Amino acid sequence: MAAELHVELVAADRNVWSGEATLVVARTTSGDIGVMPGHQPLLGVLESGPVTIRTSEGGTVVAAVHGGFISFADNKLSLLAEIAELADEIDVQRAERALERAKSDADAAAERRADVRLRAVTGH
């Protein structure tokens, strides 16, 4: 079994993150899933939620992901998202304003997106 897996996190408009990792945790329609090197092949549908990547160097990369697919085979994990933002790219004040605006507009989808962005930044 390999000690790391290759990860590609891609949004519709760009390659968000690529590198080697020891663990990736993502939310799918079947629940949260953790993928480590040597995992059985899988194909799933991503739910909106934070994706946590434990890098081979011991760091952590967190991204807010909104929809898409996850696939794993041959120690290669692909996360193909409709929208994905790295936590360090997210403007917290802007995300908080978006969450309040979505709540006042009763826009559940926008509220969920804003909540996911804030959880990716804060880790909650």
N, C-alpha and C. Protein backbone atom coordinates (compact mmCIF):
# COMPACT_ATOMS: atom_id res chain seq x y z
N MET A 1 0.84 -1.18 0.00
CA MET A 1 0.00 0.00 0.00
C MET A 1 0.88 1.25 0.00
N ALA A 2 0.55 2.20 -0.85
CA ALA A 2 1.31 3.45 -0.93
C ALA A 2 1.02 4.31 0.29
N ALA A 3 1.98 5.15 0.65
CA ALA A 3 1.84 6.01 1.82
C ALA A 3 1.13 7.31 1.49
N GLU A 4 0.91 7.57 0.22
CA GLU A 4 0.22 8.80 -0.17
C GLU A 4 -0.59 8.57 -1.43
N LEU A 5 -1.50 9.51 -1.68
CA LEU A 5 -2.32 9.45 -2.88
C LEU A 5 -2.25 10.80 -3.57
N HIS A 6 -2.46 10.78 -4.87
CA HIS A 6 -2.43 12.02 -5.63
C HIS A 6 -3.84 12.60 -5.66
N VAL A 7 -3.97 13.90 -5.34
CA VAL A 7 -5.27 14.56 -5.26
C VAL A 7 -5.34 15.69 -6.27
N GLU A 8 -6.46 15.76 -6.96
CA GLU A 8 -6.77 16.88 -7.86
C GLU A 8 -8.12 17.43 -7.44
N LEU A 9 -8.15 18.68 -6.99
CA LEU A 9 -9.40 19.38 -6.68
C LEU A 9 -9.60 20.41 -7.77
N VAL A 10 -10.65 20.19 -8.58
CA VAL A 10 -10.88 21.01 -9.76
C VAL A 10 -12.29 21.59 -9.69
N ALA A 11 -12.40 22.89 -9.93
CA ALA A 11 -13.70 23.55 -10.04
C ALA A 11 -14.00 23.72 -11.53
N ALA A 12 -15.21 24.12 -11.83
CA ALA A 12 -15.61 24.29 -13.23
C ALA A 12 -14.70 25.29 -13.96
N ASP A 13 -14.17 26.28 -13.21
CA ASP A 13 -13.41 27.34 -13.86
C ASP A 13 -11.89 27.28 -13.64
N ARG A 14 -11.41 26.34 -12.79
CA ARG A 14 -9.96 26.33 -12.54
C ARG A 14 -9.52 25.08 -11.78
N ASN A 15 -8.21 24.84 -11.79
CA ASN A 15 -7.62 23.80 -10.97
C ASN A 15 -7.36 24.45 -9.60
N VAL A 16 -8.05 24.00 -8.55
CA VAL A 16 -8.00 24.64 -7.24
C VAL A 16 -6.79 24.18 -6.44
N TRP A 17 -6.54 22.86 -6.39
CA TRP A 17 -5.40 22.33 -5.63
C TRP A 17 -5.01 20.98 -6.21
N SER A 18 -3.70 20.74 -6.23
CA SER A 18 -3.18 19.47 -6.72
C SER A 18 -1.95 19.12 -5.90
N GLY A 19 -1.85 17.86 -5.50
CA GLY A 19 -0.68 17.44 -4.75
C GLY A 19 -0.85 16.08 -4.12
N GLU A 20 0.10 15.74 -3.26
CA GLU A 20 0.10 14.45 -2.60
C GLU A 20 -0.51 14.59 -1.20
N ALA A 21 -1.27 13.58 -0.80
CA ALA A 21 -1.95 13.62 0.49
C ALA A 21 -1.96 12.25 1.14
N THR A 22 -2.20 12.25 2.45
CA THR A 22 -2.32 11.00 3.19
C THR A 22 -3.78 10.70 3.55
N LEU A 23 -4.64 11.74 3.52
CA LEU A 23 -6.05 11.58 3.86
C LEU A 23 -6.85 12.72 3.27
N VAL A 24 -8.02 12.39 2.72
CA VAL A 24 -8.97 13.41 2.25
C VAL A 24 -10.33 13.06 2.82
N VAL A 25 -10.99 14.07 3.41
CA VAL A 25 -12.34 13.88 3.95
C VAL A 25 -13.27 14.81 3.18
N ALA A 26 -14.36 14.23 2.67
CA ALA A 26 -15.34 15.00 1.89
C ALA A 26 -16.75 14.53 2.24
N ARG A 27 -17.72 15.38 1.96
CA ARG A 27 -19.13 15.05 2.19
C ARG A 27 -19.76 14.60 0.88
N THR A 28 -20.35 13.40 0.92
CA THR A 28 -21.05 12.87 -0.26
C THR A 28 -22.53 12.71 0.08
N THR A 29 -23.32 12.36 -0.92
CA THR A 29 -24.74 12.14 -0.68
C THR A 29 -24.97 10.95 0.24
N SER A 30 -23.97 10.10 0.40
CA SER A 30 -24.06 8.94 1.31
C SER A 30 -23.50 9.24 2.69
N GLY A 31 -22.98 10.46 2.89
CA GLY A 31 -22.38 10.84 4.17
C GLY A 31 -20.92 11.22 3.98
N ASP A 32 -20.26 11.55 5.08
CA ASP A 32 -18.85 11.92 5.02
C ASP A 32 -18.02 10.69 4.71
N ILE A 33 -16.97 10.89 3.91
CA ILE A 33 -16.10 9.79 3.54
C ILE A 33 -14.65 10.23 3.70
N GLY A 34 -13.84 9.33 4.20
CA GLY A 34 -12.41 9.56 4.29
C GLY A 34 -11.71 8.63 3.33
N VAL A 35 -10.81 9.17 2.54
CA VAL A 35 -10.08 8.37 1.55
C VAL A 35 -8.59 8.43 1.90
N MET A 36 -8.01 7.25 2.06
CA MET A 36 -6.58 7.13 2.35
C MET A 36 -5.94 6.31 1.22
N PRO A 37 -4.62 6.32 1.14
CA PRO A 37 -3.94 5.50 0.12
C PRO A 37 -4.42 4.05 0.20
N GLY A 38 -4.64 3.43 -0.94
CA GLY A 38 -5.07 2.04 -0.99
C GLY A 38 -6.57 1.84 -0.84
N HIS A 39 -7.33 2.93 -0.76
CA HIS A 39 -8.79 2.82 -0.63
C HIS A 39 -9.37 2.08 -1.84
N GLN A 40 -10.48 1.43 -1.63
CA GLN A 40 -11.17 0.76 -2.73
C GLN A 40 -11.63 1.82 -3.75
N PRO A 41 -11.67 1.48 -5.03
CA PRO A 41 -12.17 2.44 -6.02
C PRO A 41 -13.57 2.92 -5.64
N LEU A 42 -13.83 4.20 -5.92
CA LEU A 42 -15.15 4.73 -5.60
C LEU A 42 -15.53 5.81 -6.59
N LEU A 43 -16.83 6.04 -6.68
CA LEU A 43 -17.39 7.15 -7.45
C LEU A 43 -18.59 7.62 -6.67
N GLY A 44 -18.64 8.91 -6.36
CA GLY A 44 -19.73 9.43 -5.56
C GLY A 44 -20.09 10.85 -5.96
N VAL A 45 -21.21 11.31 -5.43
CA VAL A 45 -21.70 12.66 -5.67
C VAL A 45 -21.36 13.51 -4.45
N LEU A 46 -20.69 14.64 -4.68
CA LEU A 46 -20.32 15.53 -3.58
C LEU A 46 -21.51 16.39 -3.17
N GLU A 47 -21.67 16.55 -1.87
CA GLU A 47 -22.62 17.49 -1.30
C GLU A 47 -21.85 18.77 -1.00
N SER A 48 -22.55 19.86 -0.79
CA SER A 48 -21.89 21.08 -0.33
C SER A 48 -21.32 20.83 1.05
N GLY A 49 -20.06 21.16 1.22
CA GLY A 49 -19.42 20.98 2.52
C GLY A 49 -17.94 21.22 2.41
N PRO A 50 -17.27 21.31 3.55
CA PRO A 50 -15.82 21.47 3.51
C PRO A 50 -15.14 20.17 3.11
N VAL A 51 -14.06 20.28 2.36
CA VAL A 51 -13.19 19.16 2.03
C VAL A 51 -11.88 19.42 2.75
N THR A 52 -11.41 18.43 3.50
CA THR A 52 -10.16 18.56 4.24
C THR A 52 -9.12 17.61 3.64
N ILE A 53 -7.97 18.16 3.30
CA ILE A 53 -6.88 17.39 2.70
C ILE A 53 -5.70 17.45 3.65
N ARG A 54 -5.24 16.29 4.10
CA ARG A 54 -4.01 16.22 4.92
C ARG A 54 -2.87 15.96 3.94
N THR A 55 -2.01 16.93 3.79
CA THR A 55 -0.95 16.82 2.79
C THR A 55 0.16 15.89 3.29
N SER A 56 0.95 15.41 2.36
CA SER A 56 2.07 14.52 2.68
C SER A 56 3.11 15.22 3.54
N GLU A 57 3.18 16.55 3.47
CA GLU A 57 4.14 17.32 4.27
C GLU A 57 3.64 17.55 5.69
N GLY A 58 2.41 17.09 6.00
CA GLY A 58 1.87 17.27 7.34
C GLY A 58 0.97 18.47 7.49
N GLY A 59 0.75 19.21 6.43
CA GLY A 59 -0.14 20.37 6.48
C GLY A 59 -1.58 19.98 6.22
N THR A 60 -2.46 20.96 6.31
CA THR A 60 -3.88 20.74 6.05
C THR A 60 -4.37 21.80 5.08
N VAL A 61 -5.09 21.35 4.06
CA VAL A 61 -5.73 22.24 3.10
C VAL A 61 -7.24 22.03 3.25
N VAL A 62 -7.97 23.13 3.43
CA VAL A 62 -9.42 23.04 3.54
C VAL A 62 -10.03 23.87 2.42
N ALA A 63 -11.08 23.31 1.80
CA ALA A 63 -11.78 24.02 0.72
C ALA A 63 -13.27 23.91 0.94
N ALA A 64 -13.99 24.95 0.55
CA ALA A 64 -15.45 24.92 0.53
C ALA A 64 -15.83 24.41 -0.86
N VAL A 65 -16.58 23.31 -0.90
CA VAL A 65 -16.96 22.68 -2.16
C VAL A 65 -18.47 22.66 -2.26
N HIS A 66 -18.98 23.00 -3.43
CA HIS A 66 -20.42 23.04 -3.65
C HIS A 66 -20.77 22.16 -4.85
N GLY A 67 -21.20 20.94 -4.57
CA GLY A 67 -21.62 20.02 -5.61
C GLY A 67 -20.48 19.47 -6.44
N GLY A 68 -20.77 18.40 -7.15
CA GLY A 68 -19.78 17.80 -8.03
C GLY A 68 -19.64 16.31 -7.79
N PHE A 69 -18.47 15.77 -8.14
CA PHE A 69 -18.23 14.33 -8.06
C PHE A 69 -16.88 14.04 -7.42
N ILE A 70 -16.78 12.87 -6.82
CA ILE A 70 -15.53 12.38 -6.26
C ILE A 70 -15.26 11.01 -6.87
N SER A 71 -14.02 10.78 -7.29
CA SER A 71 -13.68 9.45 -7.80
C SER A 71 -12.27 9.09 -7.33
N PHE A 72 -12.09 7.80 -7.08
CA PHE A 72 -10.79 7.31 -6.63
C PHE A 72 -10.49 5.99 -7.31
N ALA A 73 -9.31 5.89 -7.89
CA ALA A 73 -8.82 4.65 -8.50
C ALA A 73 -7.30 4.80 -8.65
N ASP A 74 -6.59 3.71 -8.48
CA ASP A 74 -5.14 3.68 -8.69
C ASP A 74 -4.40 4.77 -7.90
N ASN A 75 -4.83 4.99 -6.65
CA ASN A 75 -4.23 6.00 -5.77
C ASN A 75 -4.31 7.41 -6.33
N LYS A 76 -5.33 7.67 -7.15
CA LYS A 76 -5.58 9.02 -7.67
C LYS A 76 -6.99 9.41 -7.28
N LEU A 77 -7.11 10.52 -6.53
CA LEU A 77 -8.41 11.02 -6.09
C LEU A 77 -8.73 12.29 -6.86
N SER A 78 -9.88 12.30 -7.50
CA SER A 78 -10.34 13.48 -8.23
C SER A 78 -11.59 14.01 -7.56
N LEU A 79 -11.58 15.29 -7.26
CA LEU A 79 -12.74 16.00 -6.74
C LEU A 79 -13.11 17.02 -7.80
N LEU A 80 -14.19 16.77 -8.51
CA LEU A 80 -14.62 17.64 -9.60
C LEU A 80 -15.83 18.42 -9.11
N ALA A 81 -15.62 19.67 -8.74
CA ALA A 81 -16.65 20.47 -8.09
C ALA A 81 -17.24 21.50 -9.03
N GLU A 82 -18.51 21.81 -8.80
CA GLU A 82 -19.14 22.91 -9.52
C GLU A 82 -18.46 24.22 -9.11
N ILE A 83 -18.31 24.40 -7.77
CA ILE A 83 -17.64 25.57 -7.21
C ILE A 83 -16.73 25.07 -6.09
N ALA A 84 -15.51 25.58 -6.01
CA ALA A 84 -14.60 25.23 -4.92
C ALA A 84 -13.71 26.43 -4.63
N GLU A 85 -13.54 26.71 -3.33
CA GLU A 85 -12.68 27.80 -2.89
C GLU A 85 -11.82 27.30 -1.74
N LEU A 86 -10.53 27.60 -1.79
CA LEU A 86 -9.66 27.29 -0.67
C LEU A 86 -10.02 28.20 0.50
N ALA A 87 -9.92 27.69 1.71
CA ALA A 87 -10.30 28.47 2.90
C ALA A 87 -9.56 29.79 2.96
N ASP A 88 -8.26 29.80 2.57
CA ASP A 88 -7.50 31.05 2.67
C ASP A 88 -7.86 32.06 1.57
N GLU A 89 -8.72 31.68 0.63
CA GLU A 89 -9.21 32.60 -0.40
C GLU A 89 -10.52 33.27 0.00
N ILE A 90 -11.15 32.76 1.06
CA ILE A 90 -12.48 33.22 1.43
C ILE A 90 -12.40 34.45 2.32
N ASP A 91 -13.14 35.49 1.96
CA ASP A 91 -13.25 36.71 2.75
C ASP A 91 -14.34 36.46 3.80
N VAL A 92 -13.94 36.35 5.07
CA VAL A 92 -14.87 35.98 6.14
C VAL A 92 -16.01 37.00 6.27
N GLN A 93 -15.68 38.29 6.26
CA GLN A 93 -16.73 39.30 6.41
C GLN A 93 -17.73 39.23 5.26
N ARG A 94 -17.22 39.03 4.06
CA ARG A 94 -18.12 38.92 2.90
C ARG A 94 -19.01 37.69 3.02
N ALA A 95 -18.44 36.58 3.47
CA ALA A 95 -19.23 35.35 3.64
C ALA A 95 -20.28 35.53 4.74
N GLU A 96 -19.93 36.23 5.81
CA GLU A 96 -20.90 36.49 6.88
C GLU A 96 -22.04 37.36 6.38
N ARG A 97 -21.72 38.39 5.60
CA ARG A 97 -22.78 39.25 5.02
C ARG A 97 -23.67 38.45 4.08
N ALA A 98 -23.07 37.57 3.28
CA ALA A 98 -23.85 36.74 2.36
C ALA A 98 -24.78 35.81 3.13
N LEU A 99 -24.30 35.27 4.25
CA LEU A 99 -25.14 34.40 5.07
C LEU A 99 -26.32 35.17 5.64
N GLU A 100 -26.08 36.35 6.17
CA GLU A 100 -27.19 37.17 6.71
C GLU A 100 -28.17 37.56 5.62
N ARG A 101 -27.66 37.93 4.45
CA ARG A 101 -28.53 38.31 3.33
C ARG A 101 -29.39 37.12 2.89
N ALA A 102 -28.78 35.94 2.82
CA ALA A 102 -29.52 34.74 2.41
C ALA A 102 -30.61 34.40 3.43
N LYS A 103 -30.29 34.57 4.72
CA LYS A 103 -31.30 34.31 5.75
C LYS A 103 -32.47 35.27 5.62
N SER A 104 -32.18 36.56 5.41
CA SER A 104 -33.26 37.54 5.31
C SER A 104 -34.08 37.36 4.03
N ASP A 105 -33.45 36.83 2.98
CA ASP A 105 -34.16 36.58 1.72
C ASP A 105 -34.82 35.20 1.71
N ALA A 106 -34.63 34.43 2.78
CA ALA A 106 -35.14 33.05 2.86
C ALA A 106 -34.66 32.22 1.66
N ASP A 107 -33.39 32.42 1.27
CA ASP A 107 -32.78 31.69 0.15
C ASP A 107 -31.95 30.56 0.74
N ALA A 108 -32.54 29.37 0.83
CA ALA A 108 -31.88 28.24 1.49
C ALA A 108 -30.59 27.83 0.79
N ALA A 109 -30.58 27.85 -0.53
CA ALA A 109 -29.38 27.44 -1.26
C ALA A 109 -28.23 28.41 -1.01
N ALA A 110 -28.51 29.71 -1.06
CA ALA A 110 -27.47 30.71 -0.81
C ALA A 110 -27.02 30.64 0.65
N GLU A 111 -27.95 30.38 1.56
CA GLU A 111 -27.59 30.24 2.97
C GLU A 111 -26.64 29.07 3.17
N ARG A 112 -26.91 27.96 2.51
CA ARG A 112 -26.06 26.76 2.62
C ARG A 112 -24.65 27.05 2.08
N ARG A 113 -24.56 27.72 0.91
CA ARG A 113 -23.26 28.05 0.33
C ARG A 113 -22.45 28.94 1.27
N ALA A 114 -23.10 29.96 1.83
CA ALA A 114 -22.39 30.88 2.73
C ALA A 114 -21.95 30.15 4.00
N ASP A 115 -22.82 29.28 4.52
CA ASP A 115 -22.48 28.51 5.72
C ASP A 115 -21.28 27.60 5.47
N VAL A 116 -21.24 26.94 4.32
CA VAL A 116 -20.12 26.05 3.98
C VAL A 116 -18.83 26.85 3.88
N ARG A 117 -18.89 28.03 3.27
CA ARG A 117 -17.69 28.86 3.14
C ARG A 117 -17.16 29.24 4.52
N LEU A 118 -18.06 29.62 5.43
CA LEU A 118 -17.62 29.99 6.78
C LEU A 118 -17.06 28.78 7.53
N ARG A 119 -17.68 27.61 7.38
CA ARG A 119 -17.18 26.41 8.06
C ARG A 119 -15.80 26.02 7.53
N ALA A 120 -15.56 26.24 6.24
CA ALA A 120 -14.24 25.91 5.67
C ALA A 120 -13.17 26.81 6.29
N VAL A 121 -13.50 28.06 6.55
CA VAL A 121 -12.53 29.00 7.12
C VAL A 121 -12.34 28.75 8.61
N THR A 122 -13.42 28.54 9.33
CA THR A 122 -13.35 28.45 10.80
C THR A 122 -13.11 27.05 11.31
N GLY A 123 -13.36 26.06 10.47
CA GLY A 123 -13.19 24.67 10.91
C GLY A 123 -14.34 24.14 11.75
N HIS A 124 -15.46 24.85 11.73
CA HIS A 124 -16.65 24.40 12.50
C HIS A 124 -17.72 23.87 11.61
